[in-house]
Amino acid sequence: MLSIRTIGNEVQTQDNEFYQIFLLRDPMEMTVDFTNYKTAPYSLLCLSPYQHLSWLKGPLTTGWQLLFHGDFYCIEYHKKEVACNGLLFNNIYLQPHVNLGKETYLEIEQLVRKMEKELKVGLEFSDAVVKAYLQLILALSSQVKKHQINLHEIPQQEDIGEGRIFQQLLEENFMREKSVNFYAQHFNLSIDAFSKKIKKQLGKAPSIFIQDRIILESKKLLHLTYQSIKEIAVQLNFDDEHYFSRYFKKNVGISPSEFRSKVGISIAAK
């Protein structure tokens, strides 16, 4: 349910059913869900189940990889204690990494070492101790990222006006409207001009945002509800469950039923 690995020149990057946390001492370049990112020294990278990751550049001289299943620690169930869902994980509008700074990085690294030691000892209450350490890591990282968003990651409003409006439009319409043209028309722009403007402001093309938002909602419904695949397909306005399954598998790598089987239905499911 939880494992810890030290990482060096090579690191496993396979897509799987675990939440993954990478502590990265060195600057790195990677793609997450086919979008490129660069990290600063002493950074933390967070991935949700079945996000696609590949490293592009940068020597991995030292670091850590934590993997935990939602059955071990449910980020939705603990959202009041640790507001990491939608901040560290599951937010298509935020970068998946956070610059911790050296002091916080070393503090979290010490917690990881304590977790590793506790897992090796395997005493009666080791699971509870490890969960407490994991929750503290998530809380510290969330705190740093929230602070950075407030101070550094919000450009001047006039520089991202269309981007902000697009985000709002997407949240209101993604279940019904899956074409870039629908959103471009709202701004009286061609698809090409609109795509260039959004990518410049938000870092990704609108077609990628639309796709990511549909997949994120699909994962949420599979993990946080008891709805059938057919019911989820209807809610997301796909023509039928087979088309939805093909769309999901094309973007995630596995079928909706397999995703639900491996990731499980959350204890916070409704």
C-alpha atoms as a PDB file:
ATOM      1  CA  MET A   1       0.000   0.000   0.000  1.00  0.00           C
ATOM      2  CA  LEU A   2       2.999   2.310   0.509  1.00  0.00           C
ATOM      3  CA  SER A   3       6.593   1.960  -0.653  1.00  0.00           C
ATOM      4  CA  ILE A   4       9.674   4.176  -0.635  1.00  0.00           C
ATOM      5  CA  ARG A   5      12.495   4.090  -3.144  1.00  0.00           C
ATOM      6  CA  THR A   6      15.720   6.023  -3.393  1.00  0.00           C
ATOM      7  CA  ILE A   7      16.322   7.278  -6.918  1.00  0.00           C
ATOM      8  CA  GLY A   8      19.593   7.807  -8.735  1.00  0.00           C
ATOM      9  CA  ASN A   9      20.466   7.899 -12.412  1.00  0.00           C
ATOM     10  CA  GLU A  10      17.395   5.840 -13.231  1.00  0.00           C
ATOM     11  CA  VAL A  11      13.898   5.876 -11.782  1.00  0.00           C
ATOM     12  CA  GLN A  12      10.821   3.843 -12.520  1.00  0.00           C
ATOM     13  CA  THR A  13       8.253   5.921 -14.366  1.00  0.00           C
ATOM     14  CA  GLN A  14       5.563   3.430 -15.248  1.00  0.00           C
ATOM     15  CA  ASP A  15       1.947   4.521 -15.014  1.00  0.00           C
ATOM     16  CA  ASN A  16       0.234   2.750 -12.148  1.00  0.00           C
ATOM     17  CA  GLU A  17      -2.579   2.871  -9.615  1.00  0.00           C
ATOM     18  CA  PHE A  18      -0.527   4.661  -6.951  1.00  0.00           C
ATOM     19  CA  TYR A  19      -0.193   8.289  -5.978  1.00  0.00           C
ATOM     20  CA  GLN A  20       3.454   9.183  -6.468  1.00  0.00           C
ATOM     21  CA  ILE A  21       5.603  11.798  -4.759  1.00  0.00           C
ATOM     22  CA  PHE A  22       9.105  12.527  -6.041  1.00  0.00           C
ATOM     23  CA  LEU A  23      11.575  14.468  -3.931  1.00  0.00           C
ATOM     24  CA  LEU A  24      14.027  15.944  -6.436  1.00  0.00           C
ATOM     25  CA  ARG A  25      17.218  17.535  -5.166  1.00  0.00           C
ATOM     26  CA  ASP A  26      18.417  18.508  -8.665  1.00  0.00           C
ATOM     27  CA  PRO A  27      16.720  20.586 -11.394  1.00  0.00           C
ATOM     28  CA  MET A  28      14.786  18.319 -13.736  1.00  0.00           C
ATOM     29  CA  GLU A  29      12.843  18.474 -16.981  1.00  0.00           C
ATOM     30  CA  MET A  30       9.960  16.095 -17.544  1.00  0.00           C
ATOM     31  CA  THR A  31       6.650  15.640 -19.289  1.00  0.00           C
ATOM     32  CA  VAL A  32       3.503  14.952 -17.288  1.00  0.00           C
ATOM     33  CA  ASP A  33       0.489  13.993 -19.373  1.00  0.00           C
ATOM     34  CA  PHE A  34       2.412  15.169 -22.442  1.00  0.00           C
ATOM     35  CA  THR A  35       3.061  18.694 -21.120  1.00  0.00           C
ATOM     36  CA  ASN A  36       6.655  19.788 -20.456  1.00  0.00           C
ATOM     37  CA  TYR A  37       7.739  21.083 -17.050  1.00  0.00           C
ATOM     38  CA  LYS A  38      10.989  22.206 -15.415  1.00  0.00           C
ATOM     39  CA  THR A  39      11.684  21.968 -11.694  1.00  0.00           C
ATOM     40  CA  ALA A  40      13.997  24.052  -9.561  1.00  0.00           C
ATOM     41  CA  PRO A  41      16.458  22.447  -7.129  1.00  0.00           C
ATOM     42  CA  TYR A  42      14.815  20.997  -4.009  1.00  0.00           C
ATOM     43  CA  SER A  43      11.434  20.379  -5.584  1.00  0.00           C
ATOM     44  CA  LEU A  44       8.578  17.965  -5.083  1.00  0.00           C
ATOM     45  CA  LEU A  45       6.570  16.401  -7.919  1.00  0.00           C
ATOM     46  CA  CYS A  46       3.133  14.884  -7.304  1.00  0.00           C
ATOM     47  CA  LEU A  47       1.294  12.484  -9.608  1.00  0.00           C
ATOM     48  CA  SER A  48      -2.158  10.963  -9.357  1.00  0.00           C
ATOM     49  CA  PRO A  49      -2.859   7.376 -10.439  1.00  0.00           C
ATOM     50  CA  TYR A  50      -2.186   6.730 -14.121  1.00  0.00           C
ATOM     51  CA  GLN A  51      -0.693  10.081 -14.954  1.00  0.00           C
ATOM     52  CA  HIS A  52       1.942   9.761 -17.677  1.00  0.00           C
ATOM     53  CA  LEU A  53       5.486  10.744 -16.697  1.00  0.00           C
ATOM     54  CA  SER A  54       8.748  10.725 -18.620  1.00  0.00           C
ATOM     55  CA  TRP A  55      12.043  12.401 -17.764  1.00  0.00           C
ATOM     56  CA  LEU A  56      13.566  14.657 -20.393  1.00  0.00           C
ATOM     57  CA  LYS A  57      16.723  16.187 -18.967  1.00  0.00           C
ATOM     58  CA  GLY A  58      18.739  16.507 -15.803  1.00  0.00           C
ATOM     59  CA  PRO A  59      20.846  14.051 -13.803  1.00  0.00           C
ATOM     60  CA  LEU A  60      18.976  12.328 -11.008  1.00  0.00           C
ATOM     61  CA  THR A  61      21.884  12.172  -8.578  1.00  0.00           C
ATOM     62  CA  THR A  62      19.753  11.757  -5.487  1.00  0.00           C
ATOM     63  CA  GLY A  63      16.121  11.801  -4.432  1.00  0.00           C
ATOM     64  CA  TRP A  64      13.177   9.781  -3.236  1.00  0.00           C
ATOM     65  CA  GLN A  65      10.043   8.259  -4.717  1.00  0.00           C
ATOM     66  CA  LEU A  66       7.027   7.578  -2.493  1.00  0.00           C
ATOM     67  CA  LEU A  67       4.149   5.491  -3.789  1.00  0.00           C
ATOM     68  CA  PHE A  68       0.903   5.036  -1.873  1.00  0.00           C
ATOM     69  CA  HIS A  69      -2.481   3.614  -2.729  1.00  0.00           C
ATOM     70  CA  GLY A  70      -5.718   5.460  -2.012  1.00  0.00           C
ATOM     71  CA  ASP A  71      -6.764   2.578   0.218  1.00  0.00           C
ATOM     72  CA  PHE A  72      -3.756   3.304   2.444  1.00  0.00           C
ATOM     73  CA  TYR A  73      -4.264   7.067   2.621  1.00  0.00           C
ATOM     74  CA  CYS A  74      -7.335   8.659   1.059  1.00  0.00           C
ATOM     75  CA  ILE A  75      -6.626  12.279   0.144  1.00  0.00           C
ATOM     76  CA  GLU A  76     -10.344  12.915  -0.379  1.00  0.00           C
ATOM     77  CA  TYR A  77     -11.276  11.583   3.074  1.00  0.00           C
ATOM     78  CA  HIS A  78      -8.551  13.690   4.729  1.00  0.00           C
ATOM     79  CA  LYS A  79      -9.259  16.864   2.755  1.00  0.00           C
ATOM     80  CA  LYS A  80     -10.023  18.856   5.928  1.00  0.00           C
ATOM     81  CA  GLU A  81      -6.724  17.916   7.570  1.00  0.00           C
ATOM     82  CA  VAL A  82      -4.614  18.176   4.399  1.00  0.00           C
ATOM     83  CA  ALA A  83      -5.889  20.309   1.526  1.00  0.00           C
ATOM     84  CA  CYS A  84      -3.658  18.571  -1.036  1.00  0.00           C
ATOM     85  CA  ASN A  85      -6.430  17.349  -3.340  1.00  0.00           C
ATOM     86  CA  GLY A  86      -6.778  20.069  -5.957  1.00  0.00           C
ATOM     87  CA  LEU A  87      -3.500  21.648  -4.869  1.00  0.00           C
ATOM     88  CA  LEU A  88      -0.779  18.994  -5.069  1.00  0.00           C
ATOM     89  CA  PHE A  89      -2.957  16.517  -6.953  1.00  0.00           C
ATOM     90  CA  ASN A  90      -5.841  16.668  -9.434  1.00  0.00           C
ATOM     91  CA  ASN A  91      -5.672  20.230 -10.718  1.00  0.00           C
ATOM     92  CA  ILE A  92      -5.177  20.670 -14.456  1.00  0.00           C
ATOM     93  CA  TYR A  93      -4.552  24.420 -14.076  1.00  0.00           C
ATOM     94  CA  LEU A  94      -1.579  24.144 -11.688  1.00  0.00           C
ATOM     95  CA  GLN A  95       1.895  22.772 -12.266  1.00  0.00           C
ATOM     96  CA  PRO A  96       2.319  19.304 -10.718  1.00  0.00           C
ATOM     97  CA  HIS A  97       5.487  20.346  -8.884  1.00  0.00           C
ATOM     98  CA  VAL A  98       6.396  22.752  -6.119  1.00  0.00           C
ATOM     99  CA  ASN A  99       9.721  24.385  -5.230  1.00  0.00           C
ATOM    100  CA  LEU A 100      10.138  23.470  -1.577  1.00  0.00           C
ATOM    101  CA  GLY A 101      13.370  25.321  -0.912  1.00  0.00           C
ATOM    102  CA  LYS A 102      16.316  23.635   0.769  1.00  0.00           C
ATOM    103  CA  GLU A 103      15.068  23.899   4.357  1.00  0.00           C
ATOM    104  CA  THR A 104      11.642  22.342   3.733  1.00  0.00           C
ATOM    105  CA  TYR A 105      13.144  19.770   1.372  1.00  0.00           C
ATOM    106  CA  LEU A 106      15.560  18.558   4.051  1.00  0.00           C
ATOM    107  CA  GLU A 107      12.757  18.521   6.627  1.00  0.00           C
ATOM    108  CA  ILE A 108      10.609  16.346   4.368  1.00  0.00           C
ATOM    109  CA  GLU A 109      13.599  14.155   3.517  1.00  0.00           C
ATOM    110  CA  GLN A 110      14.047  13.452   7.223  1.00  0.00           C
ATOM    111  CA  LEU A 111      10.389  12.445   7.452  1.00  0.00           C
ATOM    112  CA  VAL A 112      10.872  10.078   4.506  1.00  0.00           C
ATOM    113  CA  ARG A 113      13.851   8.485   6.254  1.00  0.00           C
ATOM    114  CA  LYS A 114      11.741   8.014   9.376  1.00  0.00           C
ATOM    115  CA  MET A 115       8.986   6.429   7.273  1.00  0.00           C
ATOM    116  CA  GLU A 116      11.499   4.075   5.671  1.00  0.00           C
ATOM    117  CA  LYS A 117      12.833   3.055   9.083  1.00  0.00           C
ATOM    118  CA  GLU A 118       9.304   2.505  10.433  1.00  0.00           C
ATOM    119  CA  LEU A 119       8.390   0.326   7.453  1.00  0.00           C
ATOM    120  CA  LYS A 120      11.442  -1.847   8.045  1.00  0.00           C
ATOM    121  CA  VAL A 121      10.661  -2.259  11.755  1.00  0.00           C
ATOM    122  CA  GLY A 122       7.037  -3.215  11.089  1.00  0.00           C
ATOM    123  CA  LEU A 123       5.690  -2.891  14.611  1.00  0.00           C
ATOM    124  CA  GLU A 124       2.028  -3.008  15.654  1.00  0.00           C
ATOM    125  CA  PHE A 125       1.337   0.674  15.090  1.00  0.00           C
ATOM    126  CA  SER A 126       3.802   1.269  12.249  1.00  0.00           C
ATOM    127  CA  ASP A 127       1.037   1.873   9.701  1.00  0.00           C
ATOM    128  CA  ALA A 128      -0.440   4.635  11.836  1.00  0.00           C
ATOM    129  CA  VAL A 129       2.974   6.230  12.320  1.00  0.00           C
ATOM    130  CA  VAL A 130       3.745   6.092   8.593  1.00  0.00           C
ATOM    131  CA  LYS A 131       0.354   7.617   7.744  1.00  0.00           C
ATOM    132  CA  ALA A 132       1.048  10.442  10.183  1.00  0.00           C
ATOM    133  CA  TYR A 133       4.406  11.127   8.533  1.00  0.00           C
ATOM    134  CA  LEU A 134       2.792  11.028   5.082  1.00  0.00           C
ATOM    135  CA  GLN A 135       0.078  13.447   6.181  1.00  0.00           C
ATOM    136  CA  LEU A 136       2.720  15.817   7.533  1.00  0.00           C
ATOM    137  CA  ILE A 137       4.630  15.680   4.231  1.00  0.00           C
ATOM    138  CA  LEU A 138       1.449  16.485   2.302  1.00  0.00           C
ATOM    139  CA  ALA A 139       0.541  19.289   4.713  1.00  0.00           C
ATOM    140  CA  LEU A 140       3.993  20.910   4.551  1.00  0.00           C
ATOM    141  CA  SER A 141       4.069  20.678   0.748  1.00  0.00           C
ATOM    142  CA  SER A 142       0.527  22.061   0.423  1.00  0.00           C
ATOM    143  CA  GLN A 143       1.439  24.957   2.689  1.00  0.00           C
ATOM    144  CA  VAL A 144       4.463  25.867   0.566  1.00  0.00           C
ATOM    145  CA  LYS A 145       2.574  25.572  -2.714  1.00  0.00           C
ATOM    146  CA  LYS A 146      -0.371  27.636  -1.473  1.00  0.00           C
ATOM    147  CA  HIS A 147       2.024  30.346  -0.338  1.00  0.00           C
ATOM    148  CA  GLN A 148       3.808  30.358  -3.688  1.00  0.00           C
ATOM    149  CA  ILE A 149       0.535  30.556  -5.609  1.00  0.00           C
ATOM    150  CA  ASN A 150      -0.521  33.570  -3.574  1.00  0.00           C
ATOM    151  CA  LEU A 151       2.808  35.357  -3.980  1.00  0.00           C
ATOM    152  CA  HIS A 152       4.367  34.345  -7.260  1.00  0.00           C
ATOM    153  CA  GLU A 153       2.204  32.311  -9.596  1.00  0.00           C
ATOM    154  CA  ILE A 154      -0.625  34.776 -10.198  1.00  0.00           C
ATOM    155  CA  PRO A 155       0.366  37.188 -13.010  1.00  0.00           C
ATOM    156  CA  GLN A 156      -1.261  40.572 -13.441  1.00  0.00           C
ATOM    157  CA  GLN A 157      -4.935  40.212 -14.259  1.00  0.00           C
ATOM    158  CA  GLU A 158      -4.629  41.947 -17.629  1.00  0.00           C
ATOM    159  CA  ASP A 159      -2.034  39.374 -18.719  1.00  0.00           C
ATOM    160  CA  ILE A 160      -4.312  36.377 -18.184  1.00  0.00           C
ATOM    161  CA  GLY A 161      -7.792  37.802 -18.727  1.00  0.00           C
ATOM    162  CA  GLU A 162      -8.803  35.401 -21.486  1.00  0.00           C
ATOM    163  CA  GLY A 163      -7.160  32.498 -19.667  1.00  0.00           C
ATOM    164  CA  ARG A 164      -9.175  33.099 -16.508  1.00  0.00           C
ATOM    165  CA  ILE A 165     -12.393  33.399 -18.486  1.00  0.00           C
ATOM    166  CA  PHE A 166     -11.558  30.234 -20.422  1.00  0.00           C
ATOM    167  CA  GLN A 167     -10.999  28.312 -17.174  1.00  0.00           C
ATOM    168  CA  GLN A 168     -14.395  29.433 -15.917  1.00  0.00           C
ATOM    169  CA  LEU A 169     -16.077  28.573 -19.213  1.00  0.00           C
ATOM    170  CA  LEU A 170     -14.430  25.160 -19.246  1.00  0.00           C
ATOM    171  CA  GLU A 171     -15.561  24.367 -15.706  1.00  0.00           C
ATOM    172  CA  GLU A 172     -19.116  25.321 -16.639  1.00  0.00           C
ATOM    173  CA  ASN A 173     -19.269  23.549 -20.005  1.00  0.00           C
ATOM    174  CA  PHE A 174     -16.720  20.722 -20.304  1.00  0.00           C
ATOM    175  CA  MET A 175     -19.351  17.999 -19.850  1.00  0.00           C
ATOM    176  CA  ARG A 176     -21.339  19.333 -22.798  1.00  0.00           C
ATOM    177  CA  GLU A 177     -18.833  21.110 -25.029  1.00  0.00           C
ATOM    178  CA  LYS A 178     -15.693  19.261 -26.060  1.00  0.00           C
ATOM    179  CA  SER A 179     -14.648  21.295 -29.128  1.00  0.00           C
ATOM    180  CA  VAL A 180     -12.148  24.160 -29.073  1.00  0.00           C
ATOM    181  CA  ASN A 181     -14.396  26.032 -31.502  1.00  0.00           C
ATOM    182  CA  PHE A 182     -17.115  26.480 -28.869  1.00  0.00           C
ATOM    183  CA  TYR A 183     -14.707  28.336 -26.572  1.00  0.00           C
ATOM    184  CA  ALA A 184     -13.006  30.262 -29.385  1.00  0.00           C
ATOM    185  CA  GLN A 185     -16.369  31.615 -30.528  1.00  0.00           C
ATOM    186  CA  HIS A 186     -16.937  33.090 -27.075  1.00  0.00           C
ATOM    187  CA  PHE A 187     -13.921  35.353 -27.689  1.00  0.00           C
ATOM    188  CA  ASN A 188     -14.742  35.950 -31.375  1.00  0.00           C
ATOM    189  CA  LEU A 189     -11.413  34.380 -32.328  1.00  0.00           C
ATOM    190  CA  SER A 190     -10.392  31.736 -34.812  1.00  0.00           C
ATOM    191  CA  ILE A 191      -9.413  28.375 -33.359  1.00  0.00           C
ATOM    192  CA  ASP A 192      -5.770  29.006 -34.223  1.00  0.00           C
ATOM    193  CA  ALA A 193      -5.630  32.506 -32.694  1.00  0.00           C
ATOM    194  CA  PHE A 194      -7.510  31.363 -29.593  1.00  0.00           C
ATOM    195  CA  SER A 195      -5.237  28.333 -29.130  1.00  0.00           C
ATOM    196  CA  LYS A 196      -2.095  30.449 -29.371  1.00  0.00           C
ATOM    197  CA  LYS A 197      -3.435  32.997 -26.876  1.00  0.00           C
ATOM    198  CA  ILE A 198      -4.440  30.376 -24.284  1.00  0.00           C
ATOM    199  CA  LYS A 199      -1.184  28.467 -24.629  1.00  0.00           C
ATOM    200  CA  LYS A 200       0.788  31.681 -24.148  1.00  0.00           C
ATOM    201  CA  GLN A 201      -1.203  32.615 -21.036  1.00  0.00           C
ATOM    202  CA  LEU A 202      -1.720  29.219 -19.395  1.00  0.00           C
ATOM    203  CA  GLY A 203       1.063  27.066 -20.808  1.00  0.00           C
ATOM    204  CA  LYS A 204      -1.125  24.489 -22.558  1.00  0.00           C
ATOM    205  CA  ALA A 205      -3.338  24.489 -25.628  1.00  0.00           C
ATOM    206  CA  PRO A 206      -7.104  24.626 -24.992  1.00  0.00           C
ATOM    207  CA  SER A 207      -7.539  21.212 -26.624  1.00  0.00           C
ATOM    208  CA  ILE A 208      -5.244  19.727 -23.948  1.00  0.00           C
ATOM    209  CA  PHE A 209      -7.141  21.507 -21.166  1.00  0.00           C
ATOM    210  CA  ILE A 210     -10.456  20.145 -22.478  1.00  0.00           C
ATOM    211  CA  GLN A 211      -9.074  16.629 -22.723  1.00  0.00           C
ATOM    212  CA  ASP A 212      -7.428  16.818 -19.274  1.00  0.00           C
ATOM    213  CA  ARG A 213     -10.612  18.147 -17.672  1.00  0.00           C
ATOM    214  CA  ILE A 214     -12.754  15.348 -19.117  1.00  0.00           C
ATOM    215  CA  ILE A 215     -10.246  12.707 -18.005  1.00  0.00           C
ATOM    216  CA  LEU A 216      -9.928  14.243 -14.539  1.00  0.00           C
ATOM    217  CA  GLU A 217     -13.707  14.207 -14.093  1.00  0.00           C
ATOM    218  CA  SER A 218     -13.874  10.649 -15.423  1.00  0.00           C
ATOM    219  CA  LYS A 219     -11.308   9.527 -12.852  1.00  0.00           C
ATOM    220  CA  LYS A 220     -13.174  11.335 -10.079  1.00  0.00           C
ATOM    221  CA  LEU A 221     -16.469   9.686 -10.985  1.00  0.00           C
ATOM    222  CA  LEU A 222     -14.850   6.264 -11.220  1.00  0.00           C
ATOM    223  CA  HIS A 223     -13.075   6.684  -7.891  1.00  0.00           C
ATOM    224  CA  LEU A 224     -15.523   8.768  -5.864  1.00  0.00           C
ATOM    225  CA  THR A 225     -18.924   7.412  -6.917  1.00  0.00           C
ATOM    226  CA  TYR A 226     -20.669   4.075  -7.325  1.00  0.00           C
ATOM    227  CA  GLN A 227     -22.055   5.022 -10.738  1.00  0.00           C
ATOM    228  CA  SER A 228     -21.780   2.453 -13.499  1.00  0.00           C
ATOM    229  CA  ILE A 229     -19.545   3.074 -16.532  1.00  0.00           C
ATOM    230  CA  LYS A 230     -22.688   3.654 -18.576  1.00  0.00           C
ATOM    231  CA  GLU A 231     -24.006   6.239 -16.102  1.00  0.00           C
ATOM    232  CA  ILE A 232     -20.663   8.059 -16.117  1.00  0.00           C
ATOM    233  CA  ALA A 233     -20.627   8.084 -19.927  1.00  0.00           C
ATOM    234  CA  VAL A 234     -24.124   9.612 -19.951  1.00  0.00           C
ATOM    235  CA  GLN A 235     -23.162  12.238 -17.352  1.00  0.00           C
ATOM    236  CA  LEU A 236     -20.164  13.253 -19.455  1.00  0.00           C
ATOM    237  CA  ASN A 237     -22.312  13.403 -22.603  1.00  0.00           C
ATOM    238  CA  PHE A 238     -20.624  10.642 -24.569  1.00  0.00           C
ATOM    239  CA  ASP A 239     -22.730   8.943 -27.205  1.00  0.00           C
ATOM    240  CA  ASP A 240     -22.400   5.586 -25.455  1.00  0.00           C
ATOM    241  CA  GLU A 241     -20.245   3.791 -22.898  1.00  0.00           C
ATOM    242  CA  HIS A 242     -18.133   2.111 -25.586  1.00  0.00           C
ATOM    243  CA  TYR A 243     -17.080   5.460 -27.067  1.00  0.00           C
ATOM    244  CA  PHE A 244     -16.354   6.730 -23.557  1.00  0.00           C
ATOM    245  CA  SER A 245     -14.265   3.637 -22.796  1.00  0.00           C
ATOM    246  CA  ARG A 246     -12.237   4.076 -25.989  1.00  0.00           C
ATOM    247  CA  TYR A 247     -11.674   7.773 -25.240  1.00  0.00           C
ATOM    248  CA  PHE A 248     -10.609   7.011 -21.667  1.00  0.00           C
ATOM    249  CA  LYS A 249      -8.262   4.196 -22.657  1.00  0.00           C
ATOM    250  CA  LYS A 250      -6.662   6.293 -25.410  1.00  0.00           C
ATOM    251  CA  ASN A 251      -5.759   9.020 -22.912  1.00  0.00           C
ATOM    252  CA  VAL A 252      -5.130   7.023 -19.741  1.00  0.00           C
ATOM    253  CA  GLY A 253      -3.775   3.771 -21.101  1.00  0.00           C
ATOM    254  CA  ILE A 254      -6.300   1.448 -19.463  1.00  0.00           C
ATOM    255  CA  SER A 255     -10.081   1.059 -19.629  1.00  0.00           C
ATOM    256  CA  PRO A 256     -12.439   2.726 -17.123  1.00  0.00           C
ATOM    257  CA  SER A 257     -13.315  -0.645 -15.591  1.00  0.00           C
ATOM    258  CA  GLU A 258      -9.658  -1.549 -15.166  1.00  0.00           C
ATOM    259  CA  PHE A 259      -8.933   1.873 -13.638  1.00  0.00           C
ATOM    260  CA  ARG A 260     -11.717   1.388 -11.115  1.00  0.00           C
ATOM    261  CA  SER A 261     -10.542  -2.133 -10.352  1.00  0.00           C
ATOM    262  CA  LYS A 262      -6.940  -1.078  -9.698  1.00  0.00           C
ATOM    263  CA  VAL A 263      -7.459   2.306  -8.042  1.00  0.00           C
ATOM    264  CA  GLY A 264     -10.577   1.225  -6.176  1.00  0.00           C
ATOM    265  CA  ILE A 265     -13.646   3.116  -5.016  1.00  0.00           C
ATOM    266  CA  SER A 266     -12.760   5.619  -2.319  1.00  0.00           C
ATOM    267  CA  ILE A 267     -14.070   5.379   1.239  1.00  0.00           C
ATOM    268  CA  ALA A 268     -15.278   8.932   0.580  1.00  0.00           C
ATOM    269  CA  ALA A 269     -17.398   7.761  -2.366  1.00  0.00           C
ATOM    270  CA  LYS A 270     -21.026   8.841  -2.532  1.00  0.00           C
END
